[in-house]
């Protein structure tokens, strides 16, 4: 398993296909993407800013 961080989502295919698959011994890849999530309380507070 490898964890990568990229500055933007569009960079993932390049990293996986050009960089990771070129490593000796890597036979195949599967890409799973996870995004950071926030609680409903945090989201409500964030969207309430300036709502007065």
Protein backbone atom coordinates (compact mmCIF):
# COMPACT_ATOMS: atom_id res chain seq x y z
CA UNK A 1 0.00 0.00 0.00
CA UNK A 2 1.19 3.51 -0.77
CA UNK A 3 -0.28 6.75 0.46
CA UNK A 4 0.24 9.75 -1.77
CA UNK A 5 -0.63 13.39 -1.33
CA UNK A 6 -0.94 15.61 -4.35
CA UNK A 7 -1.59 19.34 -4.61
CA UNK A 8 -4.65 18.74 -6.77
CA UNK A 9 -6.79 15.76 -7.73
CA UNK A 10 -5.75 15.96 -11.39
CA UNK A 11 -2.21 14.93 -10.40
CA UNK A 12 -3.26 11.44 -9.20
CA UNK A 13 -3.31 9.71 -12.62
CA UNK A 14 0.16 11.02 -13.45
CA UNK A 15 1.63 9.88 -10.15
CA UNK A 16 0.05 6.43 -10.41
CA UNK A 17 0.64 5.68 -14.08
CA UNK A 18 3.97 7.42 -14.62
CA UNK A 19 5.70 7.16 -11.26
CA UNK A 20 4.38 4.23 -9.22
CA UNK A 21 4.05 1.73 -12.06
CA UNK A 22 7.64 2.43 -13.09
CA UNK A 23 8.96 1.13 -9.74
CA UNK A 24 10.62 -2.26 -10.12
CA UNK A 25 8.43 -5.01 -8.67
CA UNK A 26 5.11 -3.16 -9.01
CA UNK A 27 2.94 -5.50 -11.05
CA UNK A 28 -0.39 -3.66 -10.86
CA UNK A 29 -2.17 -0.85 -9.04
CA UNK A 30 -5.60 -0.07 -7.69
CA UNK A 31 -6.45 3.51 -6.87
CA UNK A 32 -8.78 4.39 -4.00
CA UNK A 33 -9.40 8.01 -3.15
CA UNK A 34 -10.38 9.31 0.27
CA UNK A 35 -11.34 12.86 1.05
CA UNK A 36 -11.28 14.55 4.42
CA UNK A 37 -14.74 14.78 5.95
CA UNK A 38 -16.15 17.18 8.49
CA UNK A 39 -18.89 16.74 11.08
CA UNK A 40 -22.31 18.32 10.48
CA UNK A 41 -21.66 20.69 13.39
CA UNK A 42 -18.44 21.94 11.79
CA UNK A 43 -20.10 22.30 8.39
CA UNK A 44 -23.06 24.19 9.84
CA UNK A 45 -20.72 26.51 11.73
CA UNK A 46 -18.63 27.15 8.61
CA UNK A 47 -21.60 27.97 6.40
CA UNK A 48 -23.18 30.15 9.09
CA UNK A 49 -20.30 32.65 9.02
CA UNK A 50 -21.66 36.03 7.95
CA UNK A 51 -25.26 34.82 7.91
CA UNK A 52 -26.48 37.39 10.42
